[in-house]
Amino acid sequence: MRYDLCLPWYWEYDNVFAGMVERACIEEGISLWQIKPDNLLESITALYKGITTFKTLLHRGQGESTFDPIPRWALEYGARRINPAEVSAWSEDKATMHLELINAGLHTPYTILLAPFLKQPVVPQIDLTPLGEKFVIKPSNGGGGEGVILGASSLDEILQARMEFPEQKYLIQAHITPQIIEETPAWFRVFYANGKTYPCWWDTCTHIYANVTAEEDARYGLNRLRDITQRIASICKLDWFSTEIALADEFVVVDYVNDEIDTRVQSQAMDGMPDEIMNDIARQLVSIAKENL
């Protein structure tokens, strides 16, 4: 049997997202193969024996090595892979994306790039003055805020931070202070899925989302968020990702590309994504599989 779309997943909080994908597949008239821990062994066996195959892969099994044979099969047999691993690895390197975005004319925080500790144990003299009194220290491949230090102020903090992930490059970035719009900091997380963008207000303290409305788009010129995100998509080549953008004196891309999307929704968790956005993203991802029939 050959399925149109394969969705491997194991995280319990992916259950709502998986349900959205399933409904979208039914609506589009395409078949869905869900691979979960309880059918993982039999599914991989059937896949490698050629009993059951698929045309498109939407992989949510990252981080669980027992799922790795599935994307490996997809690569070997030429299946359409949503967010291929090699593209993700390239685009999630913050140092690489920093240079790519600058070359594309997008605004980013003032940044000092440092080589990995293992390659350059002793850094050359650094002028921290342009960073201001407080700055941010980020490993180039950290996700979910891992290894990020906010409010740093000294060279010693930078030197110590490089030891945490010694194989990674580091970004030392100026702190961005957003404008205040109607008593709300102008800080946004924008989601992208197969050509569509979904801008949200995002509270950096509570991590709570709110949709950017059409009225706010028009009143405050927030349609630029969509333009910037589309340009990032053209650079990173991912099918599905999020980016953080702040409005200071101008729109600044603060956190470049994240493709390990947290699929929890607001009906499930206070800091989840708005349900209607997640549902539309599921439809967009299913449309990739339909286009690949």
C-alpha atoms as a PDB file:
ATOM      1  CA  MET A   1       0.000   0.000   0.000  1.00  0.00           C
ATOM      2  CA  ARG A   2       1.203   3.491  -0.801  1.00  0.00           C
ATOM      3  CA  TYR A   3       0.088   6.421   1.367  1.00  0.00           C
ATOM      4  CA  ASP A   4       0.023  10.012   0.141  1.00  0.00           C
ATOM      5  CA  LEU A   5       1.320  11.479   3.426  1.00  0.00           C
ATOM      6  CA  CYS A   6       3.272   9.950   6.296  1.00  0.00           C
ATOM      7  CA  LEU A   7       3.196  11.608   9.742  1.00  0.00           C
ATOM      8  CA  PRO A   8       5.559  10.058  12.306  1.00  0.00           C
ATOM      9  CA  TRP A   9       5.092  11.525  15.800  1.00  0.00           C
ATOM     10  CA  TYR A  10       5.563  10.622  19.452  1.00  0.00           C
ATOM     11  CA  TRP A  11       5.233  13.820  21.534  1.00  0.00           C
ATOM     12  CA  GLU A  12       1.949  13.668  23.443  1.00  0.00           C
ATOM     13  CA  TYR A  13       1.233  17.338  22.730  1.00  0.00           C
ATOM     14  CA  ASP A  14       1.322  16.702  18.981  1.00  0.00           C
ATOM     15  CA  ASN A  15      -2.013  14.884  19.278  1.00  0.00           C
ATOM     16  CA  VAL A  16      -4.139  17.947  18.438  1.00  0.00           C
ATOM     17  CA  PHE A  17      -1.916  18.807  15.484  1.00  0.00           C
ATOM     18  CA  ALA A  18      -2.083  15.197  14.261  1.00  0.00           C
ATOM     19  CA  GLY A  19      -5.867  15.397  14.433  1.00  0.00           C
ATOM     20  CA  MET A  20      -5.843  18.586  12.388  1.00  0.00           C
ATOM     21  CA  VAL A  21      -3.621  16.953   9.754  1.00  0.00           C
ATOM     22  CA  GLU A  22      -5.925  13.932   9.669  1.00  0.00           C
ATOM     23  CA  ARG A  23      -9.030  16.070   9.108  1.00  0.00           C
ATOM     24  CA  ALA A  24      -7.278  18.082   6.401  1.00  0.00           C
ATOM     25  CA  CYS A  25      -6.315  14.854   4.629  1.00  0.00           C
ATOM     26  CA  ILE A  26      -9.905  13.640   4.718  1.00  0.00           C
ATOM     27  CA  GLU A  27     -11.107  16.962   3.299  1.00  0.00           C
ATOM     28  CA  GLU A  28      -8.500  16.826   0.520  1.00  0.00           C
ATOM     29  CA  GLY A  29      -9.214  13.180  -0.224  1.00  0.00           C
ATOM     30  CA  ILE A  30      -5.674  11.958   0.404  1.00  0.00           C
ATOM     31  CA  SER A  31      -4.456   9.060   2.543  1.00  0.00           C
ATOM     32  CA  LEU A  32      -2.534   9.492   5.814  1.00  0.00           C
ATOM     33  CA  TRP A  33      -0.201   7.052   7.552  1.00  0.00           C
ATOM     34  CA  GLN A  34       0.415   7.957  11.190  1.00  0.00           C
ATOM     35  CA  ILE A  35       3.450   6.265  12.706  1.00  0.00           C
ATOM     36  CA  LYS A  36       3.567   6.377  16.507  1.00  0.00           C
ATOM     37  CA  PRO A  37       5.535   4.478  19.161  1.00  0.00           C
ATOM     38  CA  ASP A  38       2.893   1.754  19.353  1.00  0.00           C
ATOM     39  CA  ASN A  39       3.198   0.867  15.646  1.00  0.00           C
ATOM     40  CA  LEU A  40       6.756   2.075  14.990  1.00  0.00           C
ATOM     41  CA  LEU A  41       8.490  -1.285  14.629  1.00  0.00           C
ATOM     42  CA  GLU A  42       5.872  -2.842  12.363  1.00  0.00           C
ATOM     43  CA  SER A  43       5.688   0.357  10.289  1.00  0.00           C
ATOM     44  CA  ILE A  44       9.443   0.589   9.708  1.00  0.00           C
ATOM     45  CA  THR A  45       9.535  -3.138   8.894  1.00  0.00           C
ATOM     46  CA  ALA A  46       6.726  -2.744   6.340  1.00  0.00           C
ATOM     47  CA  LEU A  47       8.429   0.338   4.901  1.00  0.00           C
ATOM     48  CA  TYR A  48      11.800  -1.326   4.367  1.00  0.00           C
ATOM     49  CA  LYS A  49      10.199  -4.495   2.983  1.00  0.00           C
ATOM     50  CA  GLY A  50       8.276  -2.407   0.468  1.00  0.00           C
ATOM     51  CA  ILE A  51       4.897  -3.554   1.813  1.00  0.00           C
ATOM     52  CA  THR A  52       3.831  -0.021   2.756  1.00  0.00           C
ATOM     53  CA  THR A  53       5.348   3.194   1.372  1.00  0.00           C
ATOM     54  CA  PHE A  54       4.529   6.900   1.138  1.00  0.00           C
ATOM     55  CA  LYS A  55       4.986   9.835  -1.242  1.00  0.00           C
ATOM     56  CA  THR A  56       5.363  12.774   1.190  1.00  0.00           C
ATOM     57  CA  LEU A  57       6.861  12.922   4.688  1.00  0.00           C
ATOM     58  CA  LEU A  58       5.855  15.335   7.466  1.00  0.00           C
ATOM     59  CA  HIS A  59       8.321  14.261  10.141  1.00  0.00           C
ATOM     60  CA  ARG A  60       7.591  14.988  13.799  1.00  0.00           C
ATOM     61  CA  GLY A  61       9.848  12.219  15.105  1.00  0.00           C
ATOM     62  CA  GLN A  62      12.962  14.393  15.424  1.00  0.00           C
ATOM     63  CA  GLY A  63      14.942  13.805  18.590  1.00  0.00           C
ATOM     64  CA  GLU A  64      13.884  10.180  18.923  1.00  0.00           C
ATOM     65  CA  SER A  65      16.529   8.080  17.176  1.00  0.00           C
ATOM     66  CA  THR A  66      14.264   5.061  16.703  1.00  0.00           C
ATOM     67  CA  PHE A  67      12.287   7.175  14.193  1.00  0.00           C
ATOM     68  CA  ASP A  68      15.392   8.006  12.127  1.00  0.00           C
ATOM     69  CA  PRO A  69      14.984   5.139   9.605  1.00  0.00           C
ATOM     70  CA  ILE A  70      11.822   6.844   8.288  1.00  0.00           C
ATOM     71  CA  PRO A  71      13.392  10.079   6.954  1.00  0.00           C
ATOM     72  CA  ARG A  72      16.390   8.010   5.820  1.00  0.00           C
ATOM     73  CA  TRP A  73      14.070   5.867   3.699  1.00  0.00           C
ATOM     74  CA  ALA A  74      12.380   9.009   2.350  1.00  0.00           C
ATOM     75  CA  LEU A  75      15.733  10.432   1.268  1.00  0.00           C
ATOM     76  CA  GLU A  76      16.856   7.164  -0.331  1.00  0.00           C
ATOM     77  CA  TYR A  77      13.640   6.621  -2.274  1.00  0.00           C
ATOM     78  CA  GLY A  78      13.044  10.221  -3.315  1.00  0.00           C
ATOM     79  CA  ALA A  79       9.914  10.953  -1.295  1.00  0.00           C
ATOM     80  CA  ARG A  80       8.939  14.610  -0.891  1.00  0.00           C
ATOM     81  CA  ARG A  81      10.236  15.683   2.512  1.00  0.00           C
ATOM     82  CA  ILE A  82       8.670  18.674   4.243  1.00  0.00           C
ATOM     83  CA  ASN A  83      11.580  20.592   5.834  1.00  0.00           C
ATOM     84  CA  PRO A  84      14.368  18.204   4.770  1.00  0.00           C
ATOM     85  CA  ALA A  85      16.914  17.628   7.545  1.00  0.00           C
ATOM     86  CA  GLU A  86      19.839  19.053   5.574  1.00  0.00           C
ATOM     87  CA  VAL A  87      17.917  22.260   4.804  1.00  0.00           C
ATOM     88  CA  SER A  88      16.873  22.569   8.445  1.00  0.00           C
ATOM     89  CA  ALA A  89      20.442  22.137   9.657  1.00  0.00           C
ATOM     90  CA  TRP A  90      21.673  24.894   7.327  1.00  0.00           C
ATOM     91  CA  SER A  91      18.882  27.341   8.082  1.00  0.00           C
ATOM     92  CA  GLU A  92      18.963  26.872  11.854  1.00  0.00           C
ATOM     93  CA  ASP A  93      22.604  27.967  12.031  1.00  0.00           C
ATOM     94  CA  LYS A  94      22.079  31.486  13.383  1.00  0.00           C
ATOM     95  CA  ALA A  95      25.520  32.651  12.301  1.00  0.00           C
ATOM     96  CA  THR A  96      24.863  31.564   8.714  1.00  0.00           C
ATOM     97  CA  MET A  97      21.367  33.074   8.675  1.00  0.00           C
ATOM     98  CA  HIS A  98      22.660  36.334  10.158  1.00  0.00           C
ATOM     99  CA  LEU A  99      24.937  36.834   7.172  1.00  0.00           C
ATOM    100  CA  GLU A 100      22.293  35.653   4.689  1.00  0.00           C
ATOM    101  CA  LEU A 101      19.676  38.085   6.037  1.00  0.00           C
ATOM    102  CA  ILE A 102      22.096  40.998   5.996  1.00  0.00           C
ATOM    103  CA  ASN A 103      23.029  40.188   2.403  1.00  0.00           C
ATOM    104  CA  ALA A 104      19.310  40.224   1.572  1.00  0.00           C
ATOM    105  CA  GLY A 105      18.952  43.725   3.023  1.00  0.00           C
ATOM    106  CA  LEU A 106      17.018  42.730   6.147  1.00  0.00           C
ATOM    107  CA  HIS A 107      17.700  44.417   9.480  1.00  0.00           C
ATOM    108  CA  THR A 108      19.155  42.375  12.339  1.00  0.00           C
ATOM    109  CA  PRO A 109      20.524  43.362  15.767  1.00  0.00           C
ATOM    110  CA  TYR A 110      24.111  44.613  15.863  1.00  0.00           C
ATOM    111  CA  THR A 111      26.024  41.356  16.153  1.00  0.00           C
ATOM    112  CA  ILE A 112      29.542  40.112  16.855  1.00  0.00           C
ATOM    113  CA  LEU A 113      30.201  36.597  15.521  1.00  0.00           C
ATOM    114  CA  LEU A 114      32.663  34.410  17.394  1.00  0.00           C
ATOM    115  CA  ALA A 115      34.265  31.165  16.225  1.00  0.00           C
ATOM    116  CA  PRO A 116      33.657  27.998  18.255  1.00  0.00           C
ATOM    117  CA  PHE A 117      35.772  27.658  21.387  1.00  0.00           C
ATOM    118  CA  LEU A 118      37.274  24.427  20.046  1.00  0.00           C
ATOM    119  CA  LYS A 119      38.517  26.218  16.928  1.00  0.00           C
ATOM    120  CA  GLN A 120      39.595  29.455  18.612  1.00  0.00           C
ATOM    121  CA  PRO A 121      40.068  28.981  22.383  1.00  0.00           C
ATOM    122  CA  VAL A 122      41.308  32.542  22.851  1.00  0.00           C
ATOM    123  CA  VAL A 123      39.226  35.260  21.204  1.00  0.00           C
ATOM    124  CA  PRO A 124      40.840  38.426  19.815  1.00  0.00           C
ATOM    125  CA  GLN A 125      40.162  41.709  21.534  1.00  0.00           C
ATOM    126  CA  ILE A 126      36.469  42.598  21.277  1.00  0.00           C
ATOM    127  CA  ASP A 127      34.983  46.084  21.336  1.00  0.00           C
ATOM    128  CA  LEU A 128      31.712  45.634  23.229  1.00  0.00           C
ATOM    129  CA  THR A 129      30.800  49.331  23.158  1.00  0.00           C
ATOM    130  CA  PRO A 130      28.392  49.158  20.154  1.00  0.00           C
ATOM    131  CA  LEU A 131      26.368  46.486  21.983  1.00  0.00           C
ATOM    132  CA  GLY A 132      25.319  48.858  24.746  1.00  0.00           C
ATOM    133  CA  GLU A 133      25.234  48.164  28.475  1.00  0.00           C
ATOM    134  CA  LYS A 134      23.271  44.914  28.162  1.00  0.00           C
ATOM    135  CA  PHE A 135      23.449  42.364  25.364  1.00  0.00           C
ATOM    136  CA  VAL A 136      22.416  38.843  24.405  1.00  0.00           C
ATOM    137  CA  ILE A 137      24.696  35.804  24.039  1.00  0.00           C
ATOM    138  CA  LYS A 138      23.466  32.990  21.744  1.00  0.00           C
ATOM    139  CA  PRO A 139      24.967  29.714  20.543  1.00  0.00           C
ATOM    140  CA  SER A 140      24.552  29.446  16.778  1.00  0.00           C
ATOM    141  CA  ASN A 141      22.545  26.219  16.830  1.00  0.00           C
ATOM    142  CA  GLY A 142      20.567  26.500  20.043  1.00  0.00           C
ATOM    143  CA  GLY A 143      16.822  25.994  19.929  1.00  0.00           C
ATOM    144  CA  GLY A 144      14.037  26.920  22.322  1.00  0.00           C
ATOM    145  CA  GLY A 145      16.251  29.421  24.100  1.00  0.00           C
ATOM    146  CA  GLU A 146      18.807  26.769  25.065  1.00  0.00           C
ATOM    147  CA  GLY A 147      22.105  28.387  25.987  1.00  0.00           C
ATOM    148  CA  VAL A 148      20.814  31.932  25.439  1.00  0.00           C
ATOM    149  CA  ILE A 149      21.920  34.499  28.022  1.00  0.00           C
ATOM    150  CA  LEU A 150      19.853  37.682  28.254  1.00  0.00           C
ATOM    151  CA  GLY A 151      21.092  40.832  29.925  1.00  0.00           C
ATOM    152  CA  ALA A 152      24.794  39.977  29.733  1.00  0.00           C
ATOM    153  CA  SER A 153      27.189  42.855  30.324  1.00  0.00           C
ATOM    154  CA  SER A 154      30.781  41.596  30.472  1.00  0.00           C
ATOM    155  CA  LEU A 155      33.468  39.894  28.409  1.00  0.00           C
ATOM    156  CA  ASP A 156      33.829  37.244  31.113  1.00  0.00           C
ATOM    157  CA  GLU A 157      30.215  36.166  30.551  1.00  0.00           C
ATOM    158  CA  ILE A 158      30.958  35.733  26.850  1.00  0.00           C
ATOM    159  CA  LEU A 159      34.080  33.672  27.528  1.00  0.00           C
ATOM    160  CA  GLN A 160      32.237  31.435  29.994  1.00  0.00           C
ATOM    161  CA  ALA A 161      29.250  31.005  27.658  1.00  0.00           C
ATOM    162  CA  ARG A 162      31.471  29.711  24.831  1.00  0.00           C
ATOM    163  CA  MET A 163      32.409  26.772  27.076  1.00  0.00           C
ATOM    164  CA  GLU A 164      28.809  25.553  27.321  1.00  0.00           C
ATOM    165  CA  PHE A 165      28.627  24.558  23.640  1.00  0.00           C
ATOM    166  CA  PRO A 166      32.322  24.602  22.660  1.00  0.00           C
ATOM    167  CA  GLU A 167      31.697  23.188  19.180  1.00  0.00           C
ATOM    168  CA  GLN A 168      29.299  25.980  18.217  1.00  0.00           C
ATOM    169  CA  LYS A 169      29.801  29.504  16.913  1.00  0.00           C
ATOM    170  CA  TYR A 170      28.383  32.254  19.126  1.00  0.00           C
ATOM    171  CA  LEU A 171      26.473  35.438  18.386  1.00  0.00           C
ATOM    172  CA  ILE A 172      26.800  38.436  20.705  1.00  0.00           C
ATOM    173  CA  GLN A 173      23.859  40.695  19.932  1.00  0.00           C
ATOM    174  CA  ALA A 174      22.655  44.114  20.983  1.00  0.00           C
ATOM    175  CA  HIS A 175      19.439  44.118  22.973  1.00  0.00           C
ATOM    176  CA  ILE A 176      16.455  45.345  20.958  1.00  0.00           C
ATOM    177  CA  THR A 177      13.900  47.577  22.685  1.00  0.00           C
ATOM    178  CA  PRO A 178      10.605  47.477  20.775  1.00  0.00           C
ATOM    179  CA  GLN A 179       8.164  50.301  20.338  1.00  0.00           C
ATOM    180  CA  ILE A 180       5.024  50.252  22.457  1.00  0.00           C
ATOM    181  CA  ILE A 181       1.787  50.048  20.474  1.00  0.00           C
ATOM    182  CA  GLU A 182      -1.413  50.453  22.488  1.00  0.00           C
ATOM    183  CA  GLU A 183       0.488  49.571  25.677  1.00  0.00           C
ATOM    184  CA  THR A 184       1.890  46.405  24.069  1.00  0.00           C
ATOM    185  CA  PRO A 185       5.544  45.846  23.099  1.00  0.00           C
ATOM    186  CA  ALA A 186       5.781  45.546  19.302  1.00  0.00           C
ATOM    187  CA  TRP A 187       7.328  42.077  19.381  1.00  0.00           C
ATOM    188  CA  PHE A 188       6.046  39.456  16.983  1.00  0.00           C
ATOM    189  CA  ARG A 189       6.395  35.818  16.070  1.00  0.00           C
ATOM    190  CA  VAL A 190       5.415  35.096  12.498  1.00  0.00           C
ATOM    191  CA  PHE A 191       4.656  31.584  11.269  1.00  0.00           C
ATOM    192  CA  TYR A 192       5.173  30.506   7.673  1.00  0.00           C
ATOM    193  CA  ALA A 193       3.705  27.459   5.945  1.00  0.00           C
ATOM    194  CA  ASN A 194       3.882  26.704   2.225  1.00  0.00           C
ATOM    195  CA  GLY A 195       3.627  30.292   1.041  1.00  0.00           C
ATOM    196  CA  LYS A 196       1.290  31.690   3.724  1.00  0.00           C
ATOM    197  CA  THR A 197       2.294  33.848   6.688  1.00  0.00           C
ATOM    198  CA  TYR A 198       0.622  34.182  10.091  1.00  0.00           C
ATOM    199  CA  PRO A 199       1.799  37.173  12.173  1.00  0.00           C
ATOM    200  CA  CYS A 200       1.175  37.104  15.932  1.00  0.00           C
ATOM    201  CA  TRP A 201       1.889  39.471  18.764  1.00  0.00           C
ATOM    202  CA  TRP A 202       4.165  37.576  21.141  1.00  0.00           C
ATOM    203  CA  ASP A 203       4.826  38.402  24.782  1.00  0.00           C
ATOM    204  CA  THR A 204       8.477  37.586  25.483  1.00  0.00           C
ATOM    205  CA  CYS A 205       7.740  37.097  29.201  1.00  0.00           C
ATOM    206  CA  THR A 206       4.542  35.028  29.176  1.00  0.00           C
ATOM    207  CA  HIS A 207       5.023  33.606  25.639  1.00  0.00           C
ATOM    208  CA  ILE A 208       1.334  34.235  24.962  1.00  0.00           C
ATOM    209  CA  TYR A 209       0.223  34.813  21.356  1.00  0.00           C
ATOM    210  CA  ALA A 210      -2.447  37.068  19.899  1.00  0.00           C
ATOM    211  CA  ASN A 211      -3.401  37.329  16.239  1.00  0.00           C
ATOM    212  CA  VAL A 212      -2.385  40.471  14.362  1.00  0.00           C
ATOM    213  CA  THR A 213      -5.715  41.733  13.023  1.00  0.00           C
ATOM    214  CA  ALA A 214      -6.367  43.228   9.607  1.00  0.00           C
ATOM    215  CA  GLU A 215      -7.145  46.552  11.317  1.00  0.00           C
ATOM    216  CA  GLU A 216      -3.776  46.493  13.126  1.00  0.00           C
ATOM    217  CA  ASP A 217      -2.090  45.575   9.854  1.00  0.00           C
ATOM    218  CA  ALA A 218      -3.504  48.694   8.222  1.00  0.00           C
ATOM    219  CA  ARG A 219      -3.174  51.080  11.158  1.00  0.00           C
ATOM    220  CA  TYR A 220       0.417  50.304  12.136  1.00  0.00           C
ATOM    221  CA  GLY A 221       1.894  49.064   8.859  1.00  0.00           C
ATOM    222  CA  LEU A 222       2.311  45.547  10.205  1.00  0.00           C
ATOM    223  CA  ASN A 223       1.886  44.048   6.729  1.00  0.00           C
ATOM    224  CA  ARG A 224       5.674  44.455   6.571  1.00  0.00           C
ATOM    225  CA  LEU A 225       5.863  41.431   8.862  1.00  0.00           C
ATOM    226  CA  ARG A 226       4.500  39.295   6.036  1.00  0.00           C
ATOM    227  CA  ASP A 227       6.904  40.770   3.482  1.00  0.00           C
ATOM    228  CA  ILE A 228       9.916  40.162   5.716  1.00  0.00           C
ATOM    229  CA  THR A 229       8.848  36.593   6.483  1.00  0.00           C
ATOM    230  CA  GLN A 230       8.363  35.828   2.796  1.00  0.00           C
ATOM    231  CA  ARG A 231      11.885  37.092   2.135  1.00  0.00           C
ATOM    232  CA  ILE A 232      13.243  34.881   4.916  1.00  0.00           C
ATOM    233  CA  ALA A 233      11.373  31.938   3.366  1.00  0.00           C
ATOM    234  CA  SER A 234      13.018  32.603   0.019  1.00  0.00           C
ATOM    235  CA  ILE A 235      16.403  32.441   1.746  1.00  0.00           C
ATOM    236  CA  CYS A 236      16.008  29.476   4.097  1.00  0.00           C
ATOM    237  CA  LYS A 237      13.966  27.312   1.644  1.00  0.00           C
ATOM    238  CA  LEU A 238      11.936  25.714   4.437  1.00  0.00           C
ATOM    239  CA  ASP A 239       8.302  24.719   3.966  1.00  0.00           C
ATOM    240  CA  TRP A 240       7.363  25.536   7.547  1.00  0.00           C
ATOM    241  CA  PHE A 241       9.047  27.720  10.201  1.00  0.00           C
ATOM    242  CA  SER A 242       8.653  30.672  12.545  1.00  0.00           C
ATOM    243  CA  THR A 243      10.665  33.849  12.974  1.00  0.00           C
ATOM    244  CA  GLU A 244      10.750  36.615  15.602  1.00  0.00           C
ATOM    245  CA  ILE A 245      10.559  40.241  14.482  1.00  0.00           C
ATOM    246  CA  ALA A 246      10.522  43.371  16.632  1.00  0.00           C
ATOM    247  CA  LEU A 247       9.513  46.885  15.630  1.00  0.00           C
ATOM    248  CA  ALA A 248      12.083  49.312  17.051  1.00  0.00           C
ATOM    249  CA  ASP A 249      13.120  52.291  14.910  1.00  0.00           C
ATOM    250  CA  GLU A 250      12.524  49.815  12.076  1.00  0.00           C
ATOM    251  CA  PHE A 251      11.538  46.168  11.768  1.00  0.00           C
ATOM    252  CA  VAL A 252      14.376  43.998  13.079  1.00  0.00           C
ATOM    253  CA  VAL A 253      14.591  40.226  12.674  1.00  0.00           C
ATOM    254  CA  VAL A 254      15.579  39.122  16.155  1.00  0.00           C
ATOM    255  CA  ASP A 255      15.440  35.315  16.072  1.00  0.00           C
ATOM    256  CA  TYR A 256      15.939  34.191  12.524  1.00  0.00           C
ATOM    257  CA  VAL A 257      14.539  30.738  11.742  1.00  0.00           C
ATOM    258  CA  ASN A 258      12.975  28.080  13.954  1.00  0.00           C
ATOM    259  CA  ASP A 259      11.594  24.957  12.327  1.00  0.00           C
ATOM    260  CA  GLU A 260      11.086  22.872  15.467  1.00  0.00           C
ATOM    261  CA  ILE A 261       7.582  24.253  15.850  1.00  0.00           C
ATOM    262  CA  ASP A 262       5.784  23.805  19.168  1.00  0.00           C
ATOM    263  CA  THR A 263       2.376  22.592  17.945  1.00  0.00           C
ATOM    264  CA  ARG A 264       0.516  23.101  21.212  1.00  0.00           C
ATOM    265  CA  VAL A 265      -2.555  25.270  20.722  1.00  0.00           C
ATOM    266  CA  GLN A 266      -4.210  27.819  23.008  1.00  0.00           C
ATOM    267  CA  SER A 267      -7.151  25.530  23.739  1.00  0.00           C
ATOM    268  CA  GLN A 268      -4.566  23.071  25.084  1.00  0.00           C
ATOM    269  CA  ALA A 269      -1.992  25.386  26.707  1.00  0.00           C
ATOM    270  CA  MET A 270      -2.029  29.074  27.623  1.00  0.00           C
ATOM    271  CA  ASP A 271       1.184  29.724  25.701  1.00  0.00           C
ATOM    272  CA  GLY A 272       0.169  27.639  22.691  1.00  0.00           C
ATOM    273  CA  MET A 273      -0.398  28.895  19.176  1.00  0.00           C
ATOM    274  CA  PRO A 274      -3.874  30.212  18.264  1.00  0.00           C
ATOM    275  CA  ASP A 275      -5.924  27.160  17.251  1.00  0.00           C
ATOM    276  CA  GLU A 276      -7.127  28.668  13.980  1.00  0.00           C
ATOM    277  CA  ILE A 277      -3.546  29.357  12.865  1.00  0.00           C
ATOM    278  CA  MET A 278      -2.375  25.848  13.693  1.00  0.00           C
ATOM    279  CA  ASN A 279      -5.367  24.403  11.860  1.00  0.00           C
ATOM    280  CA  ASP A 280      -4.635  26.483   8.763  1.00  0.00           C
ATOM    281  CA  ILE A 281      -0.966  25.507   8.895  1.00  0.00           C
ATOM    282  CA  ALA A 282      -2.004  21.845   8.976  1.00  0.00           C
ATOM    283  CA  ARG A 283      -4.069  22.467   5.829  1.00  0.00           C
ATOM    284  CA  GLN A 284      -1.127  24.157   4.127  1.00  0.00           C
ATOM    285  CA  LEU A 285       1.184  21.251   4.915  1.00  0.00           C
ATOM    286  CA  VAL A 286      -1.369  18.732   3.672  1.00  0.00           C
ATOM    287  CA  SER A 287      -1.627  20.755   0.462  1.00  0.00           C
ATOM    288  CA  ILE A 288       2.077  20.018  -0.133  1.00  0.00           C
ATOM    289  CA  ALA A 289       1.256  16.312  -0.105  1.00  0.00           C
ATOM    290  CA  LYS A 290      -1.681  16.856  -2.452  1.00  0.00           C
ATOM    291  CA  GLU A 291       0.538  18.780  -4.883  1.00  0.00           C
ATOM    292  CA  ASN A 292       2.899  15.788  -4.828  1.00  0.00           C
ATOM    293  CA  LEU A 293       0.318  13.218  -5.949  1.00  0.00           C
END
